[in-house]
Amino acid sequence: MEAGYFPAVLGVLLIALGVLIAANAWRSVPPRIPRRERFSSCRIGAAFGDRRGVLSFIVFGAFFGLAPATFSCVFISALGDRTSTLRGACTLATIMTVVAIGVFWYVLQVQFPLLHWL
């Protein structure tokens, strides 16, 4: 076993888990709905909320730092949920920003500026 063994095995396990979850979701849709219409009821904003969050992390991380990037990523991704409110998304983003600063900035000492203007 060399250095890349663990990430490779973890990647294969995650792919297998994703396939199992997708197959279970595909089977759990009531049979009265035709297969071609099963995904027509999903919201496009929810489907791409996580991608917008990741893109905001890249942009905010490059120009503003870790804290604003984490806040924007979690806030935008949380708004993709149907049951999410602005207050709930803001609370979640604030808590996750504090956790990310604690874990990545103080404990792991990642070389990513906390705020670019400081």
PDB file of N, CA and C in Angstrom:
ATOM      1  N   MET A   1       0.840  -1.182   0.000  1.00  0.00           N
ATOM      2  CA  MET A   1       0.000   0.000   0.000  1.00  0.00           C
ATOM      3  C   MET A   1       0.889   1.250   0.000  1.00  0.00           C
ATOM      4  N   GLU A   2       0.633   2.101  -0.944  1.00  0.00           N
ATOM      5  CA  GLU A   2       1.404   3.333  -1.031  1.00  0.00           C
ATOM      6  C   GLU A   2       0.526   4.512  -0.656  1.00  0.00           C
ATOM      7  N   ALA A   3       1.017   5.704  -0.933  1.00  0.00           N
ATOM      8  CA  ALA A   3       0.347   6.926  -0.480  1.00  0.00           C
ATOM      9  C   ALA A   3      -1.037   7.118  -1.102  1.00  0.00           C
ATOM     10  N   GLY A   4      -1.261   6.668  -2.313  1.00  0.00           N
ATOM     11  CA  GLY A   4      -2.538   6.899  -2.976  1.00  0.00           C
ATOM     12  C   GLY A   4      -3.573   5.812  -2.743  1.00  0.00           C
ATOM     13  N   TYR A   5      -3.239   4.800  -1.940  1.00  0.00           N
ATOM     14  CA  TYR A   5      -4.166   3.686  -1.744  1.00  0.00           C
ATOM     15  C   TYR A   5      -5.434   4.110  -1.012  1.00  0.00           C
ATOM     16  N   PHE A   6      -5.296   4.801   0.098  1.00  0.00           N
ATOM     17  CA  PHE A   6      -6.458   5.197   0.881  1.00  0.00           C
ATOM     18  C   PHE A   6      -7.399   6.116   0.102  1.00  0.00           C
ATOM     19  N   PRO A   7      -6.904   7.174  -0.561  1.00  0.00           N
ATOM     20  CA  PRO A   7      -7.837   8.004  -1.350  1.00  0.00           C
ATOM     21  C   PRO A   7      -8.523   7.228  -2.470  1.00  0.00           C
ATOM     22  N   ALA A   8      -7.813   6.285  -3.079  1.00  0.00           N
ATOM     23  CA  ALA A   8      -8.420   5.509  -4.156  1.00  0.00           C
ATOM     24  C   ALA A   8      -9.537   4.619  -3.624  1.00  0.00           C
ATOM     25  N   VAL A   9      -9.283   3.932  -2.508  1.00  0.00           N
ATOM     26  CA  VAL A   9     -10.308   3.075  -1.918  1.00  0.00           C
ATOM     27  C   VAL A   9     -11.487   3.911  -1.437  1.00  0.00           C
ATOM     28  N   LEU A  10     -11.209   5.050  -0.819  1.00  0.00           N
ATOM     29  CA  LEU A  10     -12.277   5.932  -0.356  1.00  0.00           C
ATOM     30  C   LEU A  10     -13.114   6.442  -1.523  1.00  0.00           C
ATOM     31  N   GLY A  11     -12.467   6.777  -2.630  1.00  0.00           N
ATOM     32  CA  GLY A  11     -13.196   7.226  -3.811  1.00  0.00           C
ATOM     33  C   GLY A  11     -14.097   6.145  -4.375  1.00  0.00           C
ATOM     34  N   VAL A  12     -13.609   4.908  -4.431  1.00  0.00           N
ATOM     35  CA  VAL A  12     -14.418   3.806  -4.938  1.00  0.00           C
ATOM     36  C   VAL A  12     -15.611   3.557  -4.017  1.00  0.00           C
ATOM     37  N   LEU A  13     -15.386   3.599  -2.694  1.00  0.00           N
ATOM     38  CA  LEU A  13     -16.486   3.406  -1.751  1.00  0.00           C
ATOM     39  C   LEU A  13     -17.530   4.510  -1.859  1.00  0.00           C
ATOM     40  N   LEU A  14     -17.094   5.742  -2.044  1.00  0.00           N
ATOM     41  CA  LEU A  14     -18.042   6.849  -2.184  1.00  0.00           C
ATOM     42  C   LEU A  14     -18.843   6.746  -3.478  1.00  0.00           C
ATOM     43  N   ILE A  15     -18.199   6.309  -4.546  1.00  0.00           N
ATOM     44  CA  ILE A  15     -18.919   6.115  -5.810  1.00  0.00           C
ATOM     45  C   ILE A  15     -19.959   5.016  -5.652  1.00  0.00           C
ATOM     46  N   ALA A  16     -19.579   3.916  -5.010  1.00  0.00           N
ATOM     47  CA  ALA A  16     -20.524   2.815  -4.794  1.00  0.00           C
ATOM     48  C   ALA A  16     -21.691   3.269  -3.925  1.00  0.00           C
ATOM     49  N   LEU A  17     -21.404   4.038  -2.887  1.00  0.00           N
ATOM     50  CA  LEU A  17     -22.464   4.553  -2.028  1.00  0.00           C
ATOM     51  C   LEU A  17     -23.393   5.490  -2.799  1.00  0.00           C
ATOM     52  N   GLY A  18     -22.837   6.332  -3.649  1.00  0.00           N
ATOM     53  CA  GLY A  18     -23.655   7.228  -4.468  1.00  0.00           C
ATOM     54  C   GLY A  18     -24.551   6.474  -5.430  1.00  0.00           C
ATOM     55  N   VAL A  19     -24.029   5.411  -6.019  1.00  0.00           N
ATOM     56  CA  VAL A  19     -24.837   4.600  -6.929  1.00  0.00           C
ATOM     57  C   VAL A  19     -25.972   3.930  -6.166  1.00  0.00           C
ATOM     58  N   LEU A  20     -25.688   3.419  -4.964  1.00  0.00           N
ATOM     59  CA  LEU A  20     -26.742   2.788  -4.164  1.00  0.00           C
ATOM     60  C   LEU A  20     -27.824   3.786  -3.757  1.00  0.00           C
ATOM     61  N   ILE A  21     -27.419   4.976  -3.369  1.00  0.00           N
ATOM     62  CA  ILE A  21     -28.397   6.001  -2.990  1.00  0.00           C
ATOM     63  C   ILE A  21     -29.242   6.412  -4.192  1.00  0.00           C
ATOM     64  N   ALA A  22     -28.605   6.592  -5.353  1.00  0.00           N
ATOM     65  CA  ALA A  22     -29.350   6.969  -6.554  1.00  0.00           C
ATOM     66  C   ALA A  22     -30.323   5.867  -6.971  1.00  0.00           C
ATOM     67  N   ALA A  23     -29.899   4.605  -6.878  1.00  0.00           N
ATOM     68  CA  ALA A  23     -30.781   3.492  -7.241  1.00  0.00           C
ATOM     69  C   ALA A  23     -31.960   3.409  -6.284  1.00  0.00           C
ATOM     70  N   ASN A  24     -31.717   3.628  -5.008  1.00  0.00           N
ATOM     71  CA  ASN A  24     -32.798   3.601  -4.026  1.00  0.00           C
ATOM     72  C   ASN A  24     -33.782   4.746  -4.278  1.00  0.00           C
ATOM     73  N   ALA A  25     -33.277   5.913  -4.601  1.00  0.00           N
ATOM     74  CA  ALA A  25     -34.156   7.049  -4.886  1.00  0.00           C
ATOM     75  C   ALA A  25     -34.958   6.813  -6.158  1.00  0.00           C
ATOM     76  N   TRP A  26     -34.355   6.201  -7.127  1.00  0.00           N
ATOM     77  CA  TRP A  26     -35.037   5.927  -8.389  1.00  0.00           C
ATOM     78  C   TRP A  26     -36.178   4.939  -8.185  1.00  0.00           C
ATOM     79  N   ARG A  27     -35.950   3.938  -7.309  1.00  0.00           N
ATOM     80  CA  ARG A  27     -36.979   2.931  -7.051  1.00  0.00           C
ATOM     81  C   ARG A  27     -38.075   3.446  -6.135  1.00  0.00           C
ATOM     82  N   SER A  28     -37.796   4.437  -5.293  1.00  0.00           N
ATOM     83  CA  SER A  28     -38.765   4.860  -4.293  1.00  0.00           C
ATOM     84  C   SER A  28     -39.847   5.793  -4.837  1.00  0.00           C
ATOM     85  N   VAL A  29     -39.715   6.260  -6.054  1.00  0.00           N
ATOM     86  CA  VAL A  29     -40.741   7.117  -6.651  1.00  0.00           C
ATOM     87  C   VAL A  29     -41.965   6.261  -6.942  1.00  0.00           C
ATOM     88  N   PRO A  30     -43.147   6.736  -6.613  1.00  0.00           N
ATOM     89  CA  PRO A  30     -44.356   5.927  -6.839  1.00  0.00           C
ATOM     90  C   PRO A  30     -44.477   5.490  -8.297  1.00  0.00           C
ATOM     91  N   PRO A  31     -44.947   4.287  -8.534  1.00  0.00           N
ATOM     92  CA  PRO A  31     -44.990   3.759  -9.900  1.00  0.00           C
ATOM     93  C   PRO A  31     -46.008   4.454 -10.802  1.00  0.00           C
ATOM     94  N   ARG A  32     -46.927   5.217 -10.241  1.00  0.00           N
ATOM     95  CA  ARG A  32     -47.922   5.876 -11.091  1.00  0.00           C
ATOM     96  C   ARG A  32     -47.318   7.041 -11.880  1.00  0.00           C
ATOM     97  N   ILE A  33     -46.127   7.490 -11.500  1.00  0.00           N
ATOM     98  CA  ILE A  33     -45.452   8.567 -12.226  1.00  0.00           C
ATOM     99  C   ILE A  33     -44.549   7.938 -13.278  1.00  0.00           C
ATOM    100  N   PRO A  34     -44.737   8.280 -14.548  1.00  0.00           N
ATOM    101  CA  PRO A  34     -43.860   7.722 -15.587  1.00  0.00           C
ATOM    102  C   PRO A  34     -42.400   8.096 -15.333  1.00  0.00           C
ATOM    103  N   ARG A  35     -41.504   7.241 -15.731  1.00  0.00           N
ATOM    104  CA  ARG A  35     -40.076   7.447 -15.469  1.00  0.00           C
ATOM    105  C   ARG A  35     -39.560   8.760 -16.065  1.00  0.00           C
ATOM    106  N   ARG A  36     -40.050   9.147 -17.207  1.00  0.00           N
ATOM    107  CA  ARG A  36     -39.543  10.367 -17.840  1.00  0.00           C
ATOM    108  C   ARG A  36     -39.968  11.631 -17.086  1.00  0.00           C
ATOM    109  N   GLU A  37     -41.011  11.532 -16.245  1.00  0.00           N
ATOM    110  CA  GLU A  37     -41.507  12.684 -15.514  1.00  0.00           C
ATOM    111  C   GLU A  37     -41.075  12.699 -14.051  1.00  0.00           C
ATOM    112  N   ARG A  38     -40.243  11.771 -13.641  1.00  0.00           N
ATOM    113  CA  ARG A  38     -39.872  11.678 -12.230  1.00  0.00           C
ATOM    114  C   ARG A  38     -39.050  12.862 -11.758  1.00  0.00           C
ATOM    115  N   PHE A  39     -38.258  13.425 -12.622  1.00  0.00           N
ATOM    116  CA  PHE A  39     -37.411  14.526 -12.209  1.00  0.00           C
ATOM    117  C   PHE A  39     -37.952  15.884 -12.624  1.00  0.00           C
ATOM    118  N   SER A  40     -39.129  15.919 -13.233  1.00  0.00           N
ATOM    119  CA  SER A  40     -39.672  17.189 -13.693  1.00  0.00           C
ATOM    120  C   SER A  40     -40.190  18.046 -12.543  1.00  0.00           C
ATOM    121  N   SER A  41     -40.458  17.444 -11.395  1.00  0.00           N
ATOM    122  CA  SER A  41     -41.002  18.219 -10.286  1.00  0.00           C
ATOM    123  C   SER A  41     -39.916  18.855  -9.423  1.00  0.00           C
ATOM    124  N   CYS A  42     -38.642  18.552  -9.672  1.00  0.00           N
ATOM    125  CA  CYS A  42     -37.589  19.138  -8.837  1.00  0.00           C
ATOM    126  C   CYS A  42     -37.319  20.579  -9.265  1.00  0.00           C
ATOM    127  N   ARG A  43     -36.895  21.373  -8.319  1.00  0.00           N
ATOM    128  CA  ARG A  43     -36.584  22.769  -8.607  1.00  0.00           C
ATOM    129  C   ARG A  43     -35.173  22.879  -9.168  1.00  0.00           C
ATOM    130  N   ILE A  44     -35.026  23.639 -10.217  1.00  0.00           N
ATOM    131  CA  ILE A  44     -33.710  23.806 -10.829  1.00  0.00           C
ATOM    132  C   ILE A  44     -32.774  24.543  -9.880  1.00  0.00           C
ATOM    133  N   GLY A  45     -33.303  25.521  -9.146  1.00  0.00           N
ATOM    134  CA  GLY A  45     -32.463  26.260  -8.204  1.00  0.00           C
ATOM    135  C   GLY A  45     -31.890  25.366  -7.124  1.00  0.00           C
ATOM    136  N   ALA A  46     -32.676  24.419  -6.658  1.00  0.00           N
ATOM    137  CA  ALA A  46     -32.196  23.489  -5.648  1.00  0.00           C
ATOM    138  C   ALA A  46     -31.166  22.541  -6.235  1.00  0.00           C
ATOM    139  N   ALA A  47     -31.349  22.172  -7.475  1.00  0.00           N
ATOM    140  CA  ALA A  47     -30.420  21.238  -8.097  1.00  0.00           C
ATOM    141  C   ALA A  47     -29.046  21.863  -8.311  1.00  0.00           C
ATOM    142  N   PHE A  48     -28.994  23.155  -8.522  1.00  0.00           N
ATOM    143  CA  PHE A  48     -27.715  23.810  -8.777  1.00  0.00           C
ATOM    144  C   PHE A  48     -27.256  24.699  -7.626  1.00  0.00           C
ATOM    145  N   GLY A  49     -27.934  24.628  -6.470  1.00  0.00           N
ATOM    146  CA  GLY A  49     -27.552  25.450  -5.324  1.00  0.00           C
ATOM    147  C   GLY A  49     -26.168  25.139  -4.807  1.00  0.00           C
ATOM    148  N   ASP A  50     -25.805  23.863  -4.788  1.00  0.00           N
ATOM    149  CA  ASP A  50     -24.491  23.505  -4.291  1.00  0.00           C
ATOM    150  C   ASP A  50     -23.390  23.954  -5.246  1.00  0.00           C
ATOM    151  N   ARG A  51     -23.659  23.930  -6.528  1.00  0.00           N
ATOM    152  CA  ARG A  51     -22.652  24.373  -7.497  1.00  0.00           C
ATOM    153  C   ARG A  51     -22.422  25.889  -7.406  1.00  0.00           C
ATOM    154  N   ARG A  52     -23.506  26.619  -7.195  1.00  0.00           N
ATOM    155  CA  ARG A  52     -23.352  28.064  -7.001  1.00  0.00           C
ATOM    156  C   ARG A  52     -22.582  28.355  -5.721  1.00  0.00           C
ATOM    157  N   GLY A  53     -22.804  27.551  -4.689  1.00  0.00           N
ATOM    158  CA  GLY A  53     -22.076  27.724  -3.441  1.00  0.00           C
ATOM    159  C   GLY A  53     -20.584  27.488  -3.611  1.00  0.00           C
ATOM    160  N   VAL A  54     -20.227  26.452  -4.357  1.00  0.00           N
ATOM    161  CA  VAL A  54     -18.813  26.159  -4.588  1.00  0.00           C
ATOM    162  C   VAL A  54     -18.174  27.268  -5.423  1.00  0.00           C
ATOM    163  N   LEU A  55     -18.873  27.742  -6.433  1.00  0.00           N
ATOM    164  CA  LEU A  55     -18.339  28.843  -7.241  1.00  0.00           C
ATOM    165  C   LEU A  55     -18.163  30.110  -6.412  1.00  0.00           C
ATOM    166  N   SER A  56     -19.092  30.371  -5.507  1.00  0.00           N
ATOM    167  CA  SER A  56     -18.935  31.547  -4.644  1.00  0.00           C
ATOM    168  C   SER A  56     -17.760  31.376  -3.705  1.00  0.00           C
ATOM    169  N   PHE A  57     -17.500  30.143  -3.243  1.00  0.00           N
ATOM    170  CA  PHE A  57     -16.332  29.906  -2.389  1.00  0.00           C
ATOM    171  C   PHE A  57     -15.046  30.214  -3.153  1.00  0.00           C
ATOM    172  N   ILE A  58     -14.990  29.811  -4.409  1.00  0.00           N
ATOM    173  CA  ILE A  58     -13.792  30.067  -5.212  1.00  0.00           C
ATOM    174  C   ILE A  58     -13.578  31.563  -5.398  1.00  0.00           C
ATOM    175  N   VAL A  59     -14.640  32.272  -5.766  1.00  0.00           N
ATOM    176  CA  VAL A  59     -14.519  33.708  -6.034  1.00  0.00           C
ATOM    177  C   VAL A  59     -14.220  34.480  -4.750  1.00  0.00           C
ATOM    178  N   PHE A  60     -15.006  34.227  -3.699  1.00  0.00           N
ATOM    179  CA  PHE A  60     -14.803  34.951  -2.448  1.00  0.00           C
ATOM    180  C   PHE A  60     -13.480  34.570  -1.797  1.00  0.00           C
ATOM    181  N   GLY A  61     -13.062  33.313  -1.948  1.00  0.00           N
ATOM    182  CA  GLY A  61     -11.783  32.895  -1.390  1.00  0.00           C
ATOM    183  C   GLY A  61     -10.616  33.572  -2.071  1.00  0.00           C
ATOM    184  N   ALA A  62     -10.714  33.764  -3.375  1.00  0.00           N
ATOM    185  CA  ALA A  62      -9.628  34.397  -4.112  1.00  0.00           C
ATOM    186  C   ALA A  62      -9.510  35.884  -3.802  1.00  0.00           C
ATOM    187  N   PHE A  63     -10.639  36.543  -3.560  1.00  0.00           N
ATOM    188  CA  PHE A  63     -10.600  37.990  -3.389  1.00  0.00           C
ATOM    189  C   PHE A  63     -10.754  38.470  -1.949  1.00  0.00           C
ATOM    190  N   PHE A  64     -11.416  37.691  -1.082  1.00  0.00           N
ATOM    191  CA  PHE A  64     -11.729  38.198   0.253  1.00  0.00           C
ATOM    192  C   PHE A  64     -11.168  37.361   1.397  1.00  0.00           C
ATOM    193  N   GLY A  65     -10.980  36.055   1.229  1.00  0.00           N
ATOM    194  CA  GLY A  65     -10.411  35.231   2.282  1.00  0.00           C
ATOM    195  C   GLY A  65     -11.325  34.097   2.714  1.00  0.00           C
ATOM    196  N   LEU A  66     -10.866  33.345   3.735  1.00  0.00           N
ATOM    197  CA  LEU A  66     -11.565  32.150   4.190  1.00  0.00           C
ATOM    198  C   LEU A  66     -12.923  32.445   4.811  1.00  0.00           C
ATOM    199  N   ALA A  67     -13.009  33.422   5.679  1.00  0.00           N
ATOM    200  CA  ALA A  67     -14.259  33.687   6.387  1.00  0.00           C
ATOM    201  C   ALA A  67     -15.392  34.096   5.440  1.00  0.00           C
ATOM    202  N   PRO A  68     -15.197  35.087   4.568  1.00  0.00           N
ATOM    203  CA  PRO A  68     -16.284  35.426   3.642  1.00  0.00           C
ATOM    204  C   PRO A  68     -16.598  34.306   2.649  1.00  0.00           C
ATOM    205  N   ALA A  69     -15.569  33.546   2.251  1.00  0.00           N
ATOM    206  CA  ALA A  69     -15.795  32.453   1.299  1.00  0.00           C
ATOM    207  C   ALA A  69     -16.645  31.357   1.924  1.00  0.00           C
ATOM    208  N   THR A  70     -16.347  31.003   3.163  1.00  0.00           N
ATOM    209  CA  THR A  70     -17.124  29.973   3.845  1.00  0.00           C
ATOM    210  C   THR A  70     -18.554  30.433   4.074  1.00  0.00           C
ATOM    211  N   PHE A  71     -18.713  31.670   4.520  1.00  0.00           N
ATOM    212  CA  PHE A  71     -20.057  32.189   4.763  1.00  0.00           C
ATOM    213  C   PHE A  71     -20.874  32.183   3.482  1.00  0.00           C
ATOM    214  N   SER A  72     -20.310  32.676   2.382  1.00  0.00           N
ATOM    215  CA  SER A  72     -21.068  32.739   1.127  1.00  0.00           C
ATOM    216  C   SER A  72     -21.403  31.349   0.603  1.00  0.00           C
ATOM    217  N   CYS A  73     -20.469  30.421   0.712  1.00  0.00           N
ATOM    218  CA  CYS A  73     -20.696  29.061   0.220  1.00  0.00           C
ATOM    219  C   CYS A  73     -21.843  28.396   0.967  1.00  0.00           C
ATOM    220  N   VAL A  74     -21.819  28.462   2.291  1.00  0.00           N
ATOM    221  CA  VAL A  74     -22.867  27.814   3.086  1.00  0.00           C
ATOM    222  C   VAL A  74     -24.198  28.538   2.916  1.00  0.00           C
ATOM    223  N   PHE A  75     -24.173  29.858   2.885  1.00  0.00           N
ATOM    224  CA  PHE A  75     -25.415  30.628   2.754  1.00  0.00           C
ATOM    225  C   PHE A  75     -26.111  30.338   1.434  1.00  0.00           C
ATOM    226  N   ILE A  76     -25.369  30.382   0.340  1.00  0.00           N
ATOM    227  CA  ILE A  76     -25.963  30.150  -0.983  1.00  0.00           C
ATOM    228  C   ILE A  76     -26.427  28.708  -1.120  1.00  0.00           C
ATOM    229  N   SER A  77     -25.632  27.761  -0.620  1.00  0.00           N
ATOM    230  CA  SER A  77     -26.024  26.356  -0.700  1.00  0.00           C
ATOM    231  C   SER A  77     -27.257  26.069   0.153  1.00  0.00           C
ATOM    232  N   ALA A  78     -27.368  26.709   1.308  1.00  0.00           N
ATOM    233  CA  ALA A  78     -28.521  26.489   2.183  1.00  0.00           C
ATOM    234  C   ALA A  78     -29.799  27.032   1.566  1.00  0.00           C
ATOM    235  N   LEU A  79     -29.698  28.072   0.771  1.00  0.00           N
ATOM    236  CA  LEU A  79     -30.891  28.631   0.138  1.00  0.00           C
ATOM    237  C   LEU A  79     -31.459  27.720  -0.946  1.00  0.00           C
ATOM    238  N   GLY A  80     -30.708  26.710  -1.366  1.00  0.00           N
ATOM    239  CA  GLY A  80     -31.213  25.760  -2.351  1.00  0.00           C
ATOM    240  C   GLY A  80     -32.246  24.813  -1.777  1.00  0.00           C
ATOM    241  N   ASP A  81     -32.335  24.722  -0.452  1.00  0.00           N
ATOM    242  CA  ASP A  81     -33.308  23.839   0.199  1.00  0.00           C
ATOM    243  C   ASP A  81     -34.691  24.492   0.173  1.00  0.00           C
ATOM    244  N   ARG A  82     -35.707  23.704  -0.042  1.00  0.00           N
ATOM    245  CA  ARG A  82     -37.072  24.228  -0.110  1.00  0.00           C
ATOM    246  C   ARG A  82     -37.552  24.777   1.225  1.00  0.00           C
ATOM    247  N   THR A  83     -37.112  24.183   2.315  1.00  0.00           N
ATOM    248  CA  THR A  83     -37.597  24.586   3.631  1.00  0.00           C
ATOM    249  C   THR A  83     -36.726  25.653   4.278  1.00  0.00           C
ATOM    250  N   SER A  84     -35.689  26.087   3.614  1.00  0.00           N
ATOM    251  CA  SER A  84     -34.762  27.047   4.199  1.00  0.00           C
ATOM    252  C   SER A  84     -35.323  28.462   4.144  1.00  0.00           C
ATOM    253  N   THR A  85     -35.034  29.217   5.202  1.00  0.00           N
ATOM    254  CA  THR A  85     -35.396  30.630   5.246  1.00  0.00           C
ATOM    255  C   THR A  85     -34.112  31.450   5.255  1.00  0.00           C
ATOM    256  N   LEU A  86     -34.243  32.754   5.029  1.00  0.00           N
ATOM    257  CA  LEU A  86     -33.058  33.609   5.063  1.00  0.00           C
ATOM    258  C   LEU A  86     -32.405  33.602   6.451  1.00  0.00           C
ATOM    259  N   ARG A  87     -33.233  33.642   7.476  1.00  0.00           N
ATOM    260  CA  ARG A  87     -32.696  33.638   8.835  1.00  0.00           C
ATOM    261  C   ARG A  87     -31.992  32.312   9.145  1.00  0.00           C
ATOM    262  N   GLY A  88     -32.594  31.204   8.750  1.00  0.00           N
ATOM    263  CA  GLY A  88     -31.983  29.897   8.975  1.00  0.00           C
ATOM    264  C   GLY A  88     -30.689  29.731   8.210  1.00  0.00           C
ATOM    265  N   ALA A  89     -30.671  30.191   6.951  1.00  0.00           N
ATOM    266  CA  ALA A  89     -29.460  30.090   6.147  1.00  0.00           C
ATOM    267  C   ALA A  89     -28.346  30.964   6.718  1.00  0.00           C
ATOM    268  N   CYS A  90     -28.706  32.153   7.194  1.00  0.00           N
ATOM    269  CA  CYS A  90     -27.715  33.052   7.787  1.00  0.00           C
ATOM    270  C   CYS A  90     -27.159  32.466   9.086  1.00  0.00           C
ATOM    271  N   THR A  91     -28.020  31.882   9.901  1.00  0.00           N
ATOM    272  CA  THR A  91     -27.570  31.256  11.152  1.00  0.00           C
ATOM    273  C   THR A  91     -26.641  30.088  10.863  1.00  0.00           C
ATOM    274  N   LEU A  92     -27.033  29.233   9.928  1.00  0.00           N
ATOM    275  CA  LEU A  92     -26.198  28.096   9.566  1.00  0.00           C
ATOM    276  C   LEU A  92     -24.857  28.553   9.008  1.00  0.00           C
ATOM    277  N   ALA A  93     -24.872  29.560   8.149  1.00  0.00           N
ATOM    278  CA  ALA A  93     -23.632  30.062   7.560  1.00  0.00           C
ATOM    279  C   ALA A  93     -22.717  30.657   8.626  1.00  0.00           C
ATOM    280  N   THR A  94     -23.278  31.358   9.588  1.00  0.00           N
ATOM    281  CA  THR A  94     -22.467  31.941  10.656  1.00  0.00           C
ATOM    282  C   THR A  94     -21.822  30.854  11.505  1.00  0.00           C
ATOM    283  N   ILE A  95     -22.600  29.847  11.887  1.00  0.00           N
ATOM    284  CA  ILE A  95     -22.064  28.756  12.707  1.00  0.00           C
ATOM    285  C   ILE A  95     -20.978  27.997  11.949  1.00  0.00           C
ATOM    286  N   MET A  96     -21.227  27.701  10.681  1.00  0.00           N
ATOM    287  CA  MET A  96     -20.232  26.965   9.896  1.00  0.00           C
ATOM    288  C   MET A  96     -18.975  27.791   9.649  1.00  0.00           C
ATOM    289  N   THR A  97     -19.111  29.103   9.534  1.00  0.00           N
ATOM    290  CA  THR A  97     -17.942  29.955   9.375  1.00  0.00           C
ATOM    291  C   THR A  97     -17.085  29.923  10.633  1.00  0.00           C
ATOM    292  N   VAL A  98     -17.716  29.984  11.787  1.00  0.00           N
ATOM    293  CA  VAL A  98     -16.967  29.902  13.047  1.00  0.00           C
ATOM    294  C   VAL A  98     -16.273  28.544  13.171  1.00  0.00           C
ATOM    295  N   VAL A  99     -16.970  27.469  12.812  1.00  0.00           N
ATOM    296  CA  VAL A  99     -16.373  26.133  12.869  1.00  0.00           C
ATOM    297  C   VAL A  99     -15.204  26.025  11.888  1.00  0.00           C
ATOM    298  N   ALA A 100     -15.381  26.530  10.675  1.00  0.00           N
ATOM    299  CA  ALA A 100     -14.318  26.462   9.673  1.00  0.00           C
ATOM    300  C   ALA A 100     -13.095  27.259  10.104  1.00  0.00           C
ATOM    301  N   ILE A 101     -13.310  28.425  10.683  1.00  0.00           N
ATOM    302  CA  ILE A 101     -12.182  29.218  11.171  1.00  0.00           C
ATOM    303  C   ILE A 101     -11.472  28.464  12.287  1.00  0.00           C
ATOM    304  N   GLY A 102     -12.234  27.890  13.206  1.00  0.00           N
ATOM    305  CA  GLY A 102     -11.623  27.141  14.297  1.00  0.00           C
ATOM    306  C   GLY A 102     -10.836  25.938  13.818  1.00  0.00           C
ATOM    307  N   VAL A 103     -11.417  25.176  12.892  1.00  0.00           N
ATOM    308  CA  VAL A 103     -10.761  23.951  12.441  1.00  0.00           C
ATOM    309  C   VAL A 103      -9.618  24.242  11.476  1.00  0.00           C
ATOM    310  N   PHE A 104      -9.894  25.000  10.426  1.00  0.00           N
ATOM    311  CA  PHE A 104      -8.898  25.168   9.377  1.00  0.00           C
ATOM    312  C   PHE A 104      -7.874  26.255   9.683  1.00  0.00           C
ATOM    313  N   TRP A 105      -8.256  27.314  10.355  1.00  0.00           N
ATOM    314  CA  TRP A 105      -7.342  28.418  10.600  1.00  0.00           C
ATOM    315  C   TRP A 105      -6.497  28.179  11.843  1.00  0.00           C
ATOM    316  N   TYR A 106      -7.151  27.827  12.959  1.00  0.00           N
ATOM    317  CA  TYR A 106      -6.422  27.687  14.211  1.00  0.00           C
ATOM    318  C   TYR A 106      -5.832  26.292  14.422  1.00  0.00           C
ATOM    319  N   VAL A 107      -6.605  25.240  14.195  1.00  0.00           N
ATOM    320  CA  VAL A 107      -6.127  23.885  14.484  1.00  0.00           C
ATOM    321  C   VAL A 107      -5.202  23.371  13.388  1.00  0.00           C
ATOM    322  N   LEU A 108      -5.661  23.369  12.145  1.00  0.00           N
ATOM    323  CA  LEU A 108      -4.861  22.825  11.047  1.00  0.00           C
ATOM    324  C   LEU A 108      -3.873  23.821  10.456  1.00  0.00           C
ATOM    325  N   GLN A 109      -4.056  25.084  10.738  1.00  0.00           N
ATOM    326  CA  GLN A 109      -3.192  26.169  10.257  1.00  0.00           C
ATOM    327  C   GLN A 109      -2.997  26.121   8.739  1.00  0.00           C
ATOM    328  N   VAL A 110      -4.115  26.039   8.035  1.00  0.00           N
ATOM    329  CA  VAL A 110      -4.101  26.036   6.574  1.00  0.00           C
ATOM    330  C   VAL A 110      -3.627  27.398   6.083  1.00  0.00           C
ATOM    331  N   GLN A 111      -2.799  27.398   5.055  1.00  0.00           N
ATOM    332  CA  GLN A 111      -2.239  28.628   4.524  1.00  0.00           C
ATOM    333  C   GLN A 111      -3.228  29.301   3.575  1.00  0.00           C
ATOM    334  N   PHE A 112      -4.330  29.737   4.150  1.00  0.00           N
ATOM    335  CA  PHE A 112      -5.392  30.423   3.412  1.00  0.00           C
ATOM    336  C   PHE A 112      -5.723  31.644   4.247  1.00  0.00           C
ATOM    337  N   PRO A 113      -5.543  32.839   3.711  1.00  0.00           N
ATOM    338  CA  PRO A 113      -5.767  34.035   4.551  1.00  0.00           C
ATOM    339  C   PRO A 113      -7.195  34.096   5.064  1.00  0.00           C
ATOM    340  N   LEU A 114      -7.310  34.448   6.338  1.00  0.00           N
ATOM    341  CA  LEU A 114      -8.629  34.555   6.958  1.00  0.00           C
ATOM    342  C   LEU A 114      -9.426  35.685   6.322  1.00  0.00           C
ATOM    343  N   LEU A 115      -8.821  36.846   6.226  1.00  0.00           N
ATOM    344  CA  LEU A 115      -9.391  38.003   5.532  1.00  0.00           C
ATOM    345  C   LEU A 115      -8.262  38.641   4.742  1.00  0.00           C
ATOM    346  N   HIS A 116      -8.477  38.924   3.485  1.00  0.00           N
ATOM    347  CA  HIS A 116      -7.396  39.484   2.650  1.00  0.00           C
ATOM    348  C   HIS A 116      -7.027  40.899   3.050  1.00  0.00           C
ATOM    349  N   TRP A 117      -7.966  41.633   3.598  1.00  0.00           N
ATOM    350  CA  TRP A 117      -7.683  43.041   3.892  1.00  0.00           C
ATOM    351  C   TRP A 117      -7.039  43.233   5.252  1.00  0.00           C
ATOM    352  N   LEU A 118      -6.823  42.168   6.030  1.00  0.00           N
ATOM    353  CA  LEU A 118      -6.129  42.295   7.316  1.00  0.00           C
ATOM    354  C   LEU A 118      -4.684  41.916   7.197  1.00  0.00           C
TER     355      LEU A 118
END
